[in-house]
């Protein structure tokens, strides 16, 4: 069952989306007039090459926060066997500090 707060949020998001879509032509005209569109096109052409996007994607995949990497698994400092989560090693019985 959805809470009242979540239902209100969904309704507000839907109303905002409808208003945004209804004024999409006006919003895009304003963005073109203010120069945001031309700046974004220049930025994309100059800096977002295929190589740059590939490198950014690889970094996002390879760089994991320290808390998450430990939760995914690590090796026991005593017996060097793989263990997942927690501090207790089920193979040798040691606990990590």
N, C-alpha and C. Protein backbone atom coordinates (compact mmCIF):
# COMPACT_ATOMS: atom_id res chain seq x y z
N UNK A 1 0.85 -1.17 0.00
CA UNK A 1 0.00 0.00 0.00
C UNK A 1 0.90 1.24 0.00
N UNK A 2 0.54 2.20 -0.80
CA UNK A 2 1.32 3.42 -0.91
C UNK A 2 0.94 4.38 0.21
N UNK A 3 1.93 5.03 0.76
CA UNK A 3 1.65 6.01 1.81
C UNK A 3 1.10 7.29 1.17
N UNK A 4 0.50 8.11 1.98
CA UNK A 4 -0.08 9.36 1.49
C UNK A 4 1.00 10.27 0.92
N UNK A 5 2.15 10.32 1.56
CA UNK A 5 3.25 11.17 1.08
C UNK A 5 3.72 10.73 -0.30
N UNK A 6 3.84 9.42 -0.50
CA UNK A 6 4.28 8.90 -1.79
C UNK A 6 3.24 9.18 -2.88
N UNK A 7 1.96 9.02 -2.56
CA UNK A 7 0.92 9.33 -3.54
C UNK A 7 0.92 10.80 -3.91
N UNK A 8 1.10 11.69 -2.92
CA UNK A 8 1.17 13.13 -3.21
C UNK A 8 2.37 13.45 -4.10
N UNK A 9 3.50 12.80 -3.83
CA UNK A 9 4.70 13.01 -4.64
C UNK A 9 4.47 12.57 -6.08
N UNK A 10 3.83 11.42 -6.26
CA UNK A 10 3.54 10.92 -7.60
C UNK A 10 2.62 11.87 -8.34
N UNK A 11 1.57 12.35 -7.67
CA UNK A 11 0.63 13.28 -8.31
C UNK A 11 1.34 14.58 -8.68
N UNK A 12 2.16 15.11 -7.80
CA UNK A 12 2.89 16.35 -8.11
C UNK A 12 3.86 16.15 -9.27
N UNK A 13 4.52 15.00 -9.31
CA UNK A 13 5.44 14.72 -10.41
C UNK A 13 4.69 14.61 -11.73
N UNK A 14 3.53 13.97 -11.72
CA UNK A 14 2.73 13.86 -12.93
C UNK A 14 2.22 15.21 -13.40
N UNK A 15 1.76 16.04 -12.47
CA UNK A 15 1.29 17.38 -12.83
C UNK A 15 2.44 18.21 -13.39
N UNK A 16 3.59 18.15 -12.74
CA UNK A 16 4.77 18.88 -13.23
C UNK A 16 5.19 18.38 -14.61
N UNK A 17 5.14 17.07 -14.83
CA UNK A 17 5.48 16.51 -16.14
C UNK A 17 4.54 16.96 -17.23
N UNK A 18 3.24 17.01 -16.92
CA UNK A 18 2.26 17.47 -17.90
C UNK A 18 2.49 18.95 -18.22
N UNK A 19 2.73 19.76 -17.21
CA UNK A 19 2.99 21.18 -17.45
C UNK A 19 4.26 21.36 -18.27
N UNK A 20 5.30 20.58 -17.96
CA UNK A 20 6.55 20.65 -18.71
C UNK A 20 6.32 20.27 -20.17
N UNK A 21 5.61 19.17 -20.42
CA UNK A 21 5.36 18.73 -21.79
C UNK A 21 4.48 19.73 -22.54
N UNK A 22 3.52 20.35 -21.86
CA UNK A 22 2.64 21.32 -22.50
C UNK A 22 3.42 22.56 -22.94
N UNK A 23 4.47 22.89 -22.23
CA UNK A 23 5.25 24.09 -22.53
C UNK A 23 6.61 23.75 -23.14
N UNK A 24 6.76 22.57 -23.70
CA UNK A 24 8.04 22.12 -24.23
C UNK A 24 8.56 23.02 -25.34
N UNK A 25 7.69 23.47 -26.23
CA UNK A 25 8.11 24.35 -27.32
C UNK A 25 8.60 25.68 -26.75
N UNK A 26 7.89 26.22 -25.79
CA UNK A 26 8.28 27.48 -25.17
C UNK A 26 9.62 27.34 -24.44
N UNK A 27 9.80 26.21 -23.75
CA UNK A 27 11.05 25.98 -23.00
C UNK A 27 12.22 25.83 -23.96
N UNK A 28 12.05 25.07 -25.05
CA UNK A 28 13.15 24.91 -25.99
C UNK A 28 13.48 26.22 -26.69
N UNK A 29 12.48 27.02 -27.02
CA UNK A 29 12.74 28.33 -27.63
C UNK A 29 13.53 29.22 -26.67
N UNK A 30 13.19 29.17 -25.40
CA UNK A 30 13.92 29.97 -24.40
C UNK A 30 15.37 29.48 -24.27
N UNK A 31 15.57 28.15 -24.30
CA UNK A 31 16.93 27.62 -24.21
C UNK A 31 17.76 27.99 -25.43
N UNK A 32 17.16 27.99 -26.62
CA UNK A 32 17.88 28.39 -27.83
C UNK A 32 18.22 29.87 -27.76
N UNK A 33 17.27 30.68 -27.32
CA UNK A 33 17.49 32.12 -27.24
C UNK A 33 18.56 32.47 -26.21
N UNK A 34 18.63 31.74 -25.12
CA UNK A 34 19.63 32.05 -24.09
C UNK A 34 21.01 31.48 -24.42
N UNK A 35 21.11 30.62 -25.44
CA UNK A 35 22.40 30.10 -25.88
C UNK A 35 22.82 28.79 -25.22
N UNK A 36 21.96 28.20 -24.43
CA UNK A 36 22.30 26.96 -23.74
C UNK A 36 22.45 25.81 -24.74
N UNK A 37 21.60 25.76 -25.74
CA UNK A 37 21.63 24.67 -26.73
C UNK A 37 22.93 24.72 -27.52
N UNK A 38 23.33 25.88 -27.99
CA UNK A 38 24.58 25.98 -28.77
C UNK A 38 25.79 25.67 -27.90
N UNK A 39 25.76 26.07 -26.64
CA UNK A 39 26.86 25.74 -25.73
C UNK A 39 26.95 24.23 -25.53
N UNK A 40 25.80 23.58 -25.37
CA UNK A 40 25.78 22.13 -25.15
C UNK A 40 26.27 21.39 -26.39
N UNK A 41 25.90 21.87 -27.56
CA UNK A 41 26.38 21.23 -28.79
C UNK A 41 27.89 21.37 -28.93
N UNK A 42 28.42 22.56 -28.63
CA UNK A 42 29.86 22.77 -28.69
C UNK A 42 30.58 21.89 -27.67
N UNK A 43 30.04 21.80 -26.47
CA UNK A 43 30.63 20.98 -25.43
C UNK A 43 30.65 19.51 -25.86
N UNK A 44 29.55 19.03 -26.43
CA UNK A 44 29.47 17.65 -26.87
C UNK A 44 30.46 17.37 -27.99
N UNK A 45 30.58 18.28 -28.95
CA UNK A 45 31.49 18.06 -30.07
C UNK A 45 32.95 18.09 -29.63
N UNK A 46 33.29 18.94 -28.68
CA UNK A 46 34.69 19.12 -28.28
C UNK A 46 35.15 18.11 -27.23
N UNK A 47 34.30 17.83 -26.27
CA UNK A 47 34.75 17.09 -25.10
C UNK A 47 34.16 15.69 -24.95
N UNK A 48 33.00 15.43 -25.50
CA UNK A 48 32.37 14.13 -25.32
C UNK A 48 32.57 13.24 -26.54
N UNK A 49 33.81 12.91 -26.79
CA UNK A 49 34.11 11.99 -27.87
C UNK A 49 33.81 10.57 -27.42
N UNK A 50 33.84 9.63 -28.34
CA UNK A 50 33.58 8.24 -27.99
C UNK A 50 34.59 7.70 -27.00
N UNK A 51 35.85 8.12 -27.16
CA UNK A 51 36.89 7.67 -26.25
C UNK A 51 36.65 8.19 -24.83
N UNK A 52 36.26 9.45 -24.73
CA UNK A 52 36.01 10.04 -23.41
C UNK A 52 34.85 9.35 -22.72
N UNK A 53 33.80 9.06 -23.45
CA UNK A 53 32.64 8.38 -22.87
C UNK A 53 33.01 6.98 -22.43
N UNK A 54 33.83 6.28 -23.24
CA UNK A 54 34.26 4.93 -22.88
C UNK A 54 35.10 4.94 -21.61
N UNK A 55 36.01 5.90 -21.51
CA UNK A 55 36.87 5.99 -20.32
C UNK A 55 36.04 6.31 -19.09
N UNK A 56 35.08 7.25 -19.22
CA UNK A 56 34.23 7.58 -18.08
C UNK A 56 33.39 6.38 -17.65
N UNK A 57 32.87 5.62 -18.60
CA UNK A 57 32.08 4.44 -18.25
C UNK A 57 32.94 3.39 -17.55
N UNK A 58 34.17 3.19 -18.05
CA UNK A 58 35.07 2.22 -17.42
C UNK A 58 35.42 2.65 -16.00
N UNK A 59 35.66 3.93 -15.79
CA UNK A 59 35.97 4.42 -14.44
C UNK A 59 34.79 4.25 -13.50
N UNK A 60 33.59 4.49 -13.99
CA UNK A 60 32.41 4.33 -13.14
C UNK A 60 32.21 2.87 -12.75
N UNK A 61 32.57 1.96 -13.64
CA UNK A 61 32.44 0.54 -13.33
C UNK A 61 33.54 0.07 -12.38
N UNK A 62 34.78 0.53 -12.63
CA UNK A 62 35.92 0.03 -11.87
C UNK A 62 36.08 0.68 -10.50
N UNK A 63 35.72 1.94 -10.38
CA UNK A 63 35.88 2.63 -9.11
C UNK A 63 34.66 2.37 -8.23
N UNK A 64 34.88 1.62 -7.15
CA UNK A 64 33.81 1.27 -6.23
C UNK A 64 34.16 1.88 -4.89
N UNK A 65 33.15 2.34 -4.17
CA UNK A 65 33.41 2.93 -2.86
C UNK A 65 33.97 1.86 -1.92
N UNK A 66 34.80 2.24 -0.94
CA UNK A 66 35.42 1.25 -0.04
C UNK A 66 34.39 0.43 0.74
N UNK A 67 33.31 1.01 1.16
CA UNK A 67 32.31 0.26 1.90
C UNK A 67 31.66 -0.80 1.06
N UNK A 68 31.43 -0.50 -0.19
CA UNK A 68 30.78 -1.47 -1.07
C UNK A 68 31.73 -2.60 -1.44
N UNK A 69 33.00 -2.29 -1.67
CA UNK A 69 33.93 -3.34 -2.06
C UNK A 69 34.12 -4.35 -0.93
N UNK A 70 34.08 -3.89 0.30
CA UNK A 70 34.22 -4.81 1.43
C UNK A 70 32.97 -5.67 1.58
N UNK A 71 31.82 -5.09 1.30
CA UNK A 71 30.58 -5.85 1.41
C UNK A 71 30.49 -6.92 0.33
N UNK A 72 31.13 -6.67 -0.81
CA UNK A 72 31.08 -7.63 -1.90
C UNK A 72 31.98 -8.83 -1.63
N UNK A 73 32.92 -8.69 -0.75
CA UNK A 73 33.80 -9.81 -0.41
C UNK A 73 35.23 -9.36 -0.26
N UNK A 74 35.97 -10.08 0.55
CA UNK A 74 37.38 -9.79 0.74
C UNK A 74 38.07 -11.09 1.16
N UNK A 75 39.35 -11.00 1.42
CA UNK A 75 40.11 -12.17 1.84
C UNK A 75 40.40 -12.10 3.33
N UNK A 76 40.42 -13.25 3.97
CA UNK A 76 40.73 -13.34 5.39
C UNK A 76 42.21 -13.02 5.57
N UNK A 77 42.58 -12.18 6.56
CA UNK A 77 43.99 -11.85 6.77
C UNK A 77 44.81 -13.02 7.31
N UNK A 78 44.16 -14.04 7.87
CA UNK A 78 44.87 -15.17 8.45
C UNK A 78 45.08 -16.28 7.42
N UNK A 79 43.98 -16.77 6.83
CA UNK A 79 44.10 -17.91 5.92
C UNK A 79 44.03 -17.51 4.44
N UNK A 80 43.80 -16.24 4.15
CA UNK A 80 43.75 -15.68 2.80
C UNK A 80 42.69 -16.33 1.92
N UNK A 81 41.64 -16.84 2.53
CA UNK A 81 40.53 -17.39 1.76
C UNK A 81 39.46 -16.31 1.58
N UNK A 82 38.71 -16.45 0.53
CA UNK A 82 37.66 -15.47 0.23
C UNK A 82 36.52 -15.60 1.23
N UNK A 83 36.04 -14.44 1.71
CA UNK A 83 34.90 -14.43 2.61
C UNK A 83 34.00 -13.28 2.23
N UNK A 84 32.71 -13.44 2.44
CA UNK A 84 31.74 -12.42 2.07
C UNK A 84 31.11 -11.84 3.31
N UNK A 85 31.20 -10.49 3.42
CA UNK A 85 30.53 -9.78 4.51
C UNK A 85 30.98 -10.24 5.88
N UNK A 86 30.68 -9.46 6.88
CA UNK A 86 30.99 -9.80 8.25
C UNK A 86 32.49 -9.83 8.54
N UNK A 87 32.82 -10.08 9.79
CA UNK A 87 34.21 -10.11 10.19
C UNK A 87 34.69 -11.51 10.53
N UNK A 88 33.78 -12.45 10.64
CA UNK A 88 34.12 -13.81 11.04
C UNK A 88 34.44 -14.65 9.81
N UNK A 89 35.58 -15.36 9.85
CA UNK A 89 35.97 -16.26 8.76
C UNK A 89 35.48 -17.66 9.11
N UNK A 90 34.64 -18.22 8.26
CA UNK A 90 34.09 -19.54 8.56
C UNK A 90 35.10 -20.66 8.30
N UNK A 91 36.20 -20.35 7.61
CA UNK A 91 37.19 -21.37 7.31
C UNK A 91 38.18 -21.59 8.46
N UNK A 92 38.69 -20.49 9.04
CA UNK A 92 39.69 -20.65 10.10
C UNK A 92 39.21 -20.15 11.46
N UNK A 93 38.07 -19.44 11.49
CA UNK A 93 37.52 -18.98 12.77
C UNK A 93 38.06 -17.65 13.26
N UNK A 94 38.89 -16.99 12.48
CA UNK A 94 39.43 -15.70 12.94
C UNK A 94 38.44 -14.58 12.69
N UNK A 95 38.66 -13.48 13.39
CA UNK A 95 37.82 -12.29 13.18
C UNK A 95 38.74 -11.15 12.77
N UNK A 96 38.27 -10.35 11.84
CA UNK A 96 39.05 -9.18 11.41
C UNK A 96 38.89 -8.05 12.40
N UNK A 97 39.94 -7.30 12.55
CA UNK A 97 39.88 -6.14 13.45
C UNK A 97 39.32 -4.94 12.75
